[in-house]
Structures are given as structure tokens and as C-alpha cells.
Protein backbone atom coordinates (compact mmCIF):
# COMPACT_ATOMS: atom_id res chain seq x y z
CA MET A 1 0.00 0.00 0.00
CA GLU A 2 2.88 2.34 0.74
CA GLU A 3 4.34 1.69 -2.73
CA ILE A 4 1.00 2.59 -4.33
CA GLU A 5 0.80 5.89 -2.44
CA VAL A 6 4.39 6.74 -3.39
CA TYR A 7 3.68 6.22 -7.10
CA GLN A 8 0.40 8.12 -6.94
CA LYS A 9 2.23 11.10 -5.42
CA LYS A 10 5.13 10.88 -7.90
CA LEU A 11 2.83 10.70 -10.92
CA LEU A 12 0.88 13.76 -9.81
CA GLU A 13 4.18 15.59 -9.38
CA CYS A 14 5.11 14.53 -12.92
CA GLU A 15 1.82 15.91 -14.24
CA GLN A 16 2.46 19.22 -12.47
CA GLU A 17 6.02 19.37 -13.82
CA ILE A 18 4.77 18.85 -17.38
CA GLY A 19 2.27 21.65 -16.74
CA ARG A 20 5.16 23.97 -15.84
CA GLY A 21 6.62 23.49 -19.31
CA ILE A 22 3.34 23.77 -21.23
CA ILE A 23 1.11 26.82 -20.88
CA GLY A 24 -2.52 25.78 -20.45
CA GLN A 25 -3.72 22.50 -22.01
CA ARG A 26 -4.35 20.89 -18.60
CA GLU A 27 -6.86 18.40 -19.99
CA VAL A 28 -4.51 17.46 -22.85
CA ILE A 29 -1.68 16.85 -20.36
CA ARG A 30 -3.95 14.66 -18.22
CA GLN A 31 -5.04 12.60 -21.25
CA VAL A 32 -1.44 12.12 -22.43
CA MET A 33 -0.58 10.97 -18.89
CA LEU A 34 -3.44 8.46 -19.00
CA ALA A 35 -2.23 7.11 -22.34
CA LEU A 36 1.33 6.83 -21.03
CA LEU A 37 0.15 4.89 -17.98
CA SER A 38 -2.11 2.71 -20.14
CA GLY A 39 0.64 1.86 -22.61
CA GLY A 40 -1.37 3.21 -25.54
CA ASN A 41 -0.56 5.35 -28.58
CA VAL A 42 -1.95 8.87 -29.02
CA LEU A 43 -3.18 10.87 -31.99
CA LEU A 44 -2.90 14.61 -31.28
CA GLU A 45 -5.09 16.76 -33.49
CA GLY A 46 -4.71 20.52 -33.52
CA MET A 47 -3.65 23.58 -35.45
CA PRO A 48 0.09 24.28 -35.93
CA GLY A 49 1.84 26.21 -33.18
CA LEU A 50 -0.16 24.89 -30.22
CA GLY A 51 2.82 23.23 -28.55
CA LYS A 52 2.24 19.57 -29.51
CA THR A 53 5.94 18.92 -30.15
CA MET A 54 6.94 20.76 -26.97
CA LEU A 55 4.43 18.68 -25.00
CA VAL A 56 5.95 15.39 -26.15
CA ARG A 57 9.49 16.65 -25.56
CA THR A 58 8.56 17.80 -22.05
CA VAL A 59 7.01 14.41 -21.23
CA SER A 60 10.24 12.71 -22.31
CA GLN A 61 12.26 15.02 -20.03
CA VAL A 62 10.06 14.49 -16.97
CA PHE A 63 10.07 10.70 -17.33
CA LEU A 64 13.71 10.51 -18.49
CA LEU A 65 12.73 8.72 -21.72
CA SER A 66 14.53 8.73 -25.05
CA PHE A 67 12.77 10.87 -27.66
CA LYS A 68 12.83 10.91 -31.47
CA ARG A 69 10.85 13.11 -33.86
CA ILE A 70 9.97 11.98 -37.38
CA GLN A 71 8.70 14.62 -39.80
CA PHE A 72 6.31 12.78 -42.12
CA THR A 73 6.43 13.97 -45.74
CA PRO A 74 5.24 12.44 -49.04
CA ASP A 75 8.78 11.29 -49.92
CA LEU A 76 9.44 9.60 -46.56
CA MET A 77 10.22 5.89 -47.02
CA PRO A 78 9.35 3.04 -44.60
CA SER A 79 13.07 2.40 -44.04
CA ASP A 80 13.43 6.04 -42.93
CA VAL A 81 11.17 5.10 -40.01
CA THR A 82 12.16 1.54 -39.12
CA GLY A 83 15.80 1.43 -40.22
CA THR A 84 17.49 -0.76 -42.80
CA ASN A 85 20.22 -3.33 -43.35
CA ILE A 86 23.47 -1.82 -44.61
CA MET A 87 26.49 -3.62 -46.05
CA VAL A 88 29.67 -3.47 -43.95
CA ARG A 89 33.14 -4.55 -45.11
CA GLU A 90 35.46 -5.90 -42.41
CA GLU A 91 38.78 -7.68 -43.01
CA GLY A 92 37.97 -8.47 -46.61
CA LYS A 93 34.50 -9.81 -45.77
CA SER A 94 31.13 -8.27 -46.42
CA SER A 95 28.18 -8.58 -44.08
CA PHE A 96 24.89 -6.86 -43.38
CA ARG A 97 24.29 -4.84 -40.26
CA PHE A 98 20.98 -3.44 -39.12
CA GLU A 99 21.01 0.34 -38.78
CA ARG A 100 18.23 1.39 -36.41
CA GLY A 101 15.72 4.01 -37.49
CA PRO A 102 14.19 6.77 -35.34
CA VAL A 103 11.35 4.46 -34.26
CA PHE A 104 13.81 2.95 -31.77
CA ALA A 105 13.07 5.32 -28.90
CA ASN A 106 10.76 5.36 -25.88
CA LEU A 107 8.70 8.26 -27.20
CA VAL A 108 8.31 8.68 -30.96
CA LEU A 109 6.68 11.83 -32.30
CA ALA A 110 5.20 11.14 -35.76
CA ASP A 111 4.71 14.74 -36.84
CA GLU A 112 1.96 15.33 -39.44
CA ILE A 113 1.53 11.60 -39.96
CA ASN A 114 -1.16 12.10 -42.60
CA ARG A 115 1.35 13.72 -44.97
CA ALA A 116 3.18 10.43 -45.61
CA THR A 117 2.02 7.76 -48.06
CA PRO A 118 -0.04 4.81 -46.75
CA LYS A 119 2.98 2.51 -47.21
CA THR A 120 5.08 4.64 -44.86
CA GLN A 121 2.20 5.10 -42.42
CA SER A 122 1.83 1.32 -42.22
CA ALA A 123 5.51 1.01 -41.27
CA LEU A 124 4.43 2.21 -37.83
CA LEU A 125 1.63 -0.37 -37.46
CA GLU A 126 3.79 -3.27 -36.26
CA ALA A 127 5.73 -1.00 -33.91
CA MET A 128 2.53 0.48 -32.45
CA GLN A 129 0.78 -2.84 -31.91
CA GLU A 130 3.52 -5.44 -31.37
CA HIS A 131 6.39 -3.19 -30.19
CA THR A 132 8.66 -4.92 -32.71
CA VAL A 133 10.16 -3.96 -36.09
CA THR A 134 10.72 -6.54 -38.82
CA VAL A 135 13.28 -5.80 -41.53
CA GLY A 136 14.02 -8.63 -43.96
CA ASN A 137 13.71 -11.87 -42.02
CA GLU A 138 14.71 -10.44 -38.65
CA SER A 139 12.50 -8.95 -35.93
CA HIS A 140 13.90 -6.36 -33.55
CA ARG A 141 12.29 -5.69 -30.18
CA LEU A 142 11.65 -2.08 -29.22
CA GLU A 143 12.77 -0.84 -25.82
CA GLU A 144 10.04 -0.50 -23.20
CA PRO A 145 8.24 1.71 -22.43
CA PHE A 146 7.31 2.57 -26.02
CA LEU A 147 4.73 5.10 -27.15
CA VAL A 148 3.88 6.71 -30.49
CA LEU A 149 2.39 10.20 -30.41
CA ALA A 150 1.25 11.25 -33.88
CA THR A 151 0.04 14.71 -34.87
CA GLN A 152 -2.20 15.89 -37.67
CA ASN A 153 -3.68 19.20 -38.77
CA PRO A 154 -7.52 18.99 -38.75
CA ILE A 155 -8.00 21.71 -41.40
CA GLU A 156 -5.24 21.55 -43.99
CA GLN A 157 -6.08 18.32 -45.87
CA GLU A 158 -4.67 19.19 -49.31
CA GLY A 159 -1.95 16.75 -50.32
CA THR A 160 -2.53 14.47 -47.32
CA TYR A 161 -3.33 10.77 -46.96
CA PRO A 162 -6.09 10.31 -44.35
CA LEU A 163 -5.38 7.52 -41.90
CA PRO A 164 -7.54 4.44 -42.61
CA GLU A 165 -9.93 3.26 -39.90
CA ALA A 166 -7.82 0.17 -39.17
CA GLN A 167 -4.82 2.35 -38.38
CA LEU A 168 -6.83 4.88 -36.38
CA ASP A 169 -8.03 1.99 -34.23
CA ARG A 170 -4.42 1.38 -33.14
CA PHE A 171 -4.44 4.65 -31.22
CA LEU A 172 -5.67 4.41 -27.64
CA PHE A 173 -6.72 8.08 -27.65
CA LYS A 174 -7.47 10.82 -30.12
CA ILE A 175 -6.79 14.05 -28.24
CA ARG A 176 -7.92 17.43 -29.52
CA VAL A 177 -5.50 20.26 -28.74
CA GLU A 178 -7.60 23.43 -28.51
CA PHE A 179 -6.53 27.02 -29.16
CA PRO A 180 -5.42 28.77 -25.91
CA ASP A 181 -7.60 31.35 -24.22
CA ARG A 182 -6.60 35.02 -24.02
CA GLU A 183 -4.59 34.80 -20.78
CA GLU A 184 -2.77 31.65 -21.91
CA LEU A 185 -1.93 33.33 -25.21
CA ARG A 186 -0.59 36.34 -23.26
CA ALA A 187 1.70 34.00 -21.29
CA ILE A 188 2.91 32.40 -24.53
CA LEU A 189 3.71 35.83 -25.94
CA GLY A 190 5.67 36.55 -22.76
CA LEU A 191 8.06 33.74 -23.68
CA THR A 192 8.37 35.26 -27.16
CA GLU A 193 9.38 38.55 -25.54
CA GLY A 194 12.38 36.97 -23.87
CA GLN A 195 11.10 35.54 -20.61
CA GLU A 196 13.13 32.52 -19.53
CA PRO A 197 11.22 29.22 -19.92
CA PRO A 198 11.04 27.13 -16.72
CA GLN A 199 13.68 24.49 -16.11
CA ILE A 200 12.08 21.03 -16.41
CA HIS A 201 13.25 18.36 -13.97
CA SER A 202 13.26 14.58 -14.41
CA LEU A 203 11.14 12.93 -11.70
CA LEU A 204 10.74 9.31 -12.85
CA ASN A 205 12.56 6.92 -15.17
CA GLY A 206 11.39 4.24 -17.58
CA GLU A 207 11.64 1.37 -15.09
CA GLU A 208 9.58 3.26 -12.50
CA LEU A 209 6.99 4.09 -15.15
CA ILE A 210 6.67 0.40 -16.05
CA GLN A 211 6.27 -0.44 -12.35
CA ALA A 212 3.49 2.15 -12.04
CA LYS A 213 1.77 0.69 -15.13
CA ASN A 214 1.89 -2.79 -13.58
CA LEU A 215 0.26 -1.49 -10.39
CA ILE A 216 -2.47 0.24 -12.37
CA ALA A 217 -3.21 -2.89 -14.42
CA GLN A 218 -4.08 -4.74 -11.19
CA ILE A 219 -6.87 -2.30 -10.23
CA PRO A 220 -10.18 -4.23 -10.28
CA ILE A 221 -13.30 -3.10 -12.11
CA ALA A 222 -16.71 -3.76 -10.59
CA GLY A 223 -19.24 -5.66 -12.66
CA ALA A 224 -21.58 -2.65 -12.86
CA VAL A 225 -18.78 -0.43 -14.25
CA MET A 226 -17.79 -3.11 -16.77
CA ASP A 227 -21.42 -3.34 -17.90
CA TYR A 228 -21.47 0.46 -18.27
CA ILE A 229 -18.43 0.32 -20.59
CA LEU A 230 -20.04 -2.47 -22.63
CA ASP A 231 -23.30 -0.53 -22.87
CA LEU A 232 -21.52 2.57 -24.23
CA VAL A 233 -19.70 0.59 -26.91
CA MET A 234 -22.76 -1.46 -27.89
CA ALA A 235 -24.81 1.76 -28.12
CA THR A 236 -22.56 2.87 -31.00
CA HIS A 237 -23.79 -0.19 -32.94
CA GLU A 238 -27.48 0.42 -32.34
CA GLU A 239 -29.60 2.20 -34.91
CA ASN A 240 -28.55 5.84 -34.82
CA VAL A 241 -29.16 8.41 -37.53
CA TYR A 242 -25.75 9.97 -36.83
CA ILE A 243 -23.57 6.81 -36.80
CA ARG A 244 -22.51 4.88 -39.91
CA GLU A 245 -20.16 2.46 -38.12
CA GLY A 246 -19.70 1.93 -34.39
CA ALA A 247 -16.62 1.47 -32.21
CA SER A 248 -14.47 -1.66 -32.29
CA PRO A 249 -13.71 -3.90 -29.28
CA ARG A 250 -10.48 -1.91 -28.87
CA GLY A 251 -12.69 0.99 -27.81
CA ALA A 252 -13.86 -0.96 -24.76
CA GLN A 253 -10.31 -2.09 -24.00
CA ALA A 254 -9.09 1.51 -24.23
CA MET A 255 -11.74 2.72 -21.78
CA ILE A 256 -10.90 -0.04 -19.28
CA ARG A 257 -7.17 0.70 -19.32
CA ALA A 258 -7.56 4.49 -19.28
CA ALA A 259 -10.26 4.47 -16.58
CA LYS A 260 -7.94 2.45 -14.32
CA ALA A 261 -5.17 5.00 -14.89
CA ARG A 262 -7.50 7.92 -14.11
CA ALA A 263 -8.70 6.26 -10.90
CA PHE A 264 -5.06 5.80 -9.86
CA LEU A 265 -4.22 9.47 -10.50
CA GLU A 266 -7.32 10.47 -8.55
CA GLY A 267 -6.00 8.53 -5.54
CA ARG A 268 -8.41 5.59 -5.77
CA LEU A 269 -8.01 1.85 -6.31
CA ASN A 270 -11.46 1.39 -7.79
CA VAL A 271 -12.88 2.55 -11.13
CA SER A 272 -15.94 4.78 -11.03
CA PHE A 273 -18.58 5.67 -13.63
CA GLU A 274 -17.05 9.17 -13.72
CA ASP A 275 -13.68 7.71 -14.74
CA VAL A 276 -15.34 5.94 -17.67
CA LYS A 277 -17.23 9.06 -18.77
CA LYS A 278 -14.04 11.15 -18.74
CA VAL A 279 -12.09 8.73 -20.94
CA ALA A 280 -14.99 7.83 -23.27
CA TYR A 281 -14.48 10.89 -25.50
CA PRO A 282 -10.77 10.46 -26.40
CA ALA A 283 -11.20 6.65 -26.54
CA LEU A 284 -14.22 6.60 -28.89
CA ARG A 285 -14.15 9.78 -31.00
CA HIS A 286 -11.83 8.26 -33.64
CA ARG A 287 -13.58 4.88 -33.59
CA ILE A 288 -17.01 6.19 -34.66
CA LEU A 289 -17.77 6.84 -38.33
CA LEU A 290 -20.35 9.59 -38.72
CA SER A 291 -23.23 9.31 -41.16
CA PHE A 292 -24.02 11.79 -43.92
CA ASP A 293 -26.79 13.24 -41.72
CA ALA A 294 -24.27 14.02 -38.94
CA VAL A 295 -21.82 15.67 -41.34
CA SER A 296 -24.54 17.73 -43.06
CA GLU A 297 -25.95 18.90 -39.71
CA GLY A 298 -22.53 19.70 -38.24
CA ILE A 299 -22.80 17.02 -35.54
CA SER A 300 -19.38 15.99 -34.17
CA GLU A 301 -18.24 12.67 -32.75
CA ASP A 302 -18.10 14.25 -29.29
CA GLU A 303 -21.74 15.32 -29.57
CA VAL A 304 -22.76 11.77 -30.53
CA ILE A 305 -20.82 10.34 -27.56
CA ARG A 306 -22.42 12.92 -25.24
CA GLN A 307 -25.88 11.89 -26.43
CA ILE A 308 -25.09 8.21 -25.82
CA ILE A 309 -23.80 8.92 -22.29
CA GLU A 310 -26.84 11.06 -21.43
CA ALA A 311 -29.23 8.39 -22.75
CA LYS A 312 -27.46 5.76 -20.65
CA GLU A 313 -27.67 7.92 -17.51
CA LYS A 314 -31.39 8.46 -18.04
CA SER A 315 -31.91 4.69 -18.24
CA LEU A 316 -29.85 4.17 -15.06
CA TYR A 317 -31.90 6.65 -13.03
CA ALA A 318 -35.27 5.94 -14.62
């Protein structure tokens, strides 16, 4: 029990330290923390200049994790991501040696992932799901912990390759990075005017993060909460004028893992309905395909999820 309390305190300190390096975006920071503790990949969606790269870099500093950034462009090749075998001559003999790509890091930032071709995008699939990279006939294990954080611009779609549903499903969360409010923007401009950015300190390392993840995985979920998660996912497959295709089973798995992590950060060892509601939006918004009616009426995925949650609550208290 003492170990649990120590990790709960340390993780909250880590969250606060990340907040020192990023102005605003408290909810985004919390959701990235949940993904990190759940061992899931993250898709960050937001306009350029909102600090997405700085957020990932700050997380790597606080948790003392190796960090690599890959700028996705149309001419990026799969080997530019995974690495390749190169020929080496030694003492008159030739042999092949595997040269690791930037995917071999604890935190990998796939910047503007939708600008690369589908072939290059798919080079990340094995790494994201299996935490291995296969080049030729050899598989190479990635160092744990491993997390991919991909970014995409929600507006500028010209010359991009939208991620297919099967690849979107590999992301635990889709997190929307919103524009800062007036006071947060003023603070950002203060840094532009020469104010010294805060010094970020490392508070945990990779091994301690893995230990915290193992503790979180052991948190039990009551039958009623599990039924609530199942009801939310199944509701996306019921007849709904705004939904063309519902969430996959990975949506339920994502909510279970993330709800456990949220309960842990909130100082509890039991998952509540509130935990599930908080993680439902980032866990389901990229797993629901909207119908033509939803698009024509300007209904978002978040609005559909909100309607499902409210309908479920009405049935609970009826």
C-alpha cells in the first residue's frame, strides 16, 4: 500500500512538472498521462503552433525517456522510419548490419503523420501494436516503455493521406488540442518577448513508469462499471441516424485501461462511472464513423458520444 501511495504522489508531481513546461492544455496533459500509464498510442489533433511537439518533448524530459521526432512527408520511405540493413566490409569480408531508425526510442513523435504515403504510415503499425520492427527476415524488439504520439492538422487536408480506420483503431486516444484562451496566449507571448522558460526536472525513469503501469493494471473493475463500458460501446452499434459504423472492441479495451489510470491518479483503487465518462471521449471519437446526416448537420463525434452517455444515464436513473 505504501508503494502505491508513493507512485500516486510521484505521478501527480510529474503531471504538475509537465504543466510547468506547457502553458494551459491541462486536460490534454492529463489525457497524455493516461495514455502513457495505459501503454497506448496517441493521436494529437490541432492547429500548428499549439505546442504539440513541446508537450511530447517535455514528457520525455520528466520521465527521463529517449525521444525521437519523425517529420512525415510524401517522400518519406518506410526504411526512414524503421531502419534498414546496410552492407559493412570488415577484413575483406562483407556482411549486413541493421542500422536502427528513429522508431527505436521510448517516445516517438510522428509529426503530421497524414502527410506520408499509406505505405510509410503502415511502417508504424507493427511497432505500435507489437512493439517490434521486422526488416528482412529479422525482428527487432523495441525498448520499453514505447509510445507513439502522432500529430495531424484537422484543417489543412490538401496533399494528405487520411489515416484508414484500421490504423486509427491502433491509437488508444485521439486528443484534440484546442486554441489557448486570451490569458494563456498572453503567457505564450511573454516567452516570445524573452522571458526565460522554466527548467524542467526529471522525476521518474522508464523502469519506474513500467512499475506504475503494472500497479495500475491490477486495479479491479466492478461488474456494474464493466457493464457500463459495454453498454456505451454497444450503443454505438445500435440504430442511430448519426452513426454509420460503431466502435471496435479496442474501444472498450481503451476505456478499461484508461479508466484504471485515471482512478489511480485520482487517488483511488477502484474505477468509477465518472472515470469511464471522462475517458470515453478520447477513446471513442476516432472509432465512430459519422453518417451523412451528422456531417450535413454539423454534428461531431463528441456530440454523438455525449448523447449516448446522457441516454445511458437516463436509463440508469429511470
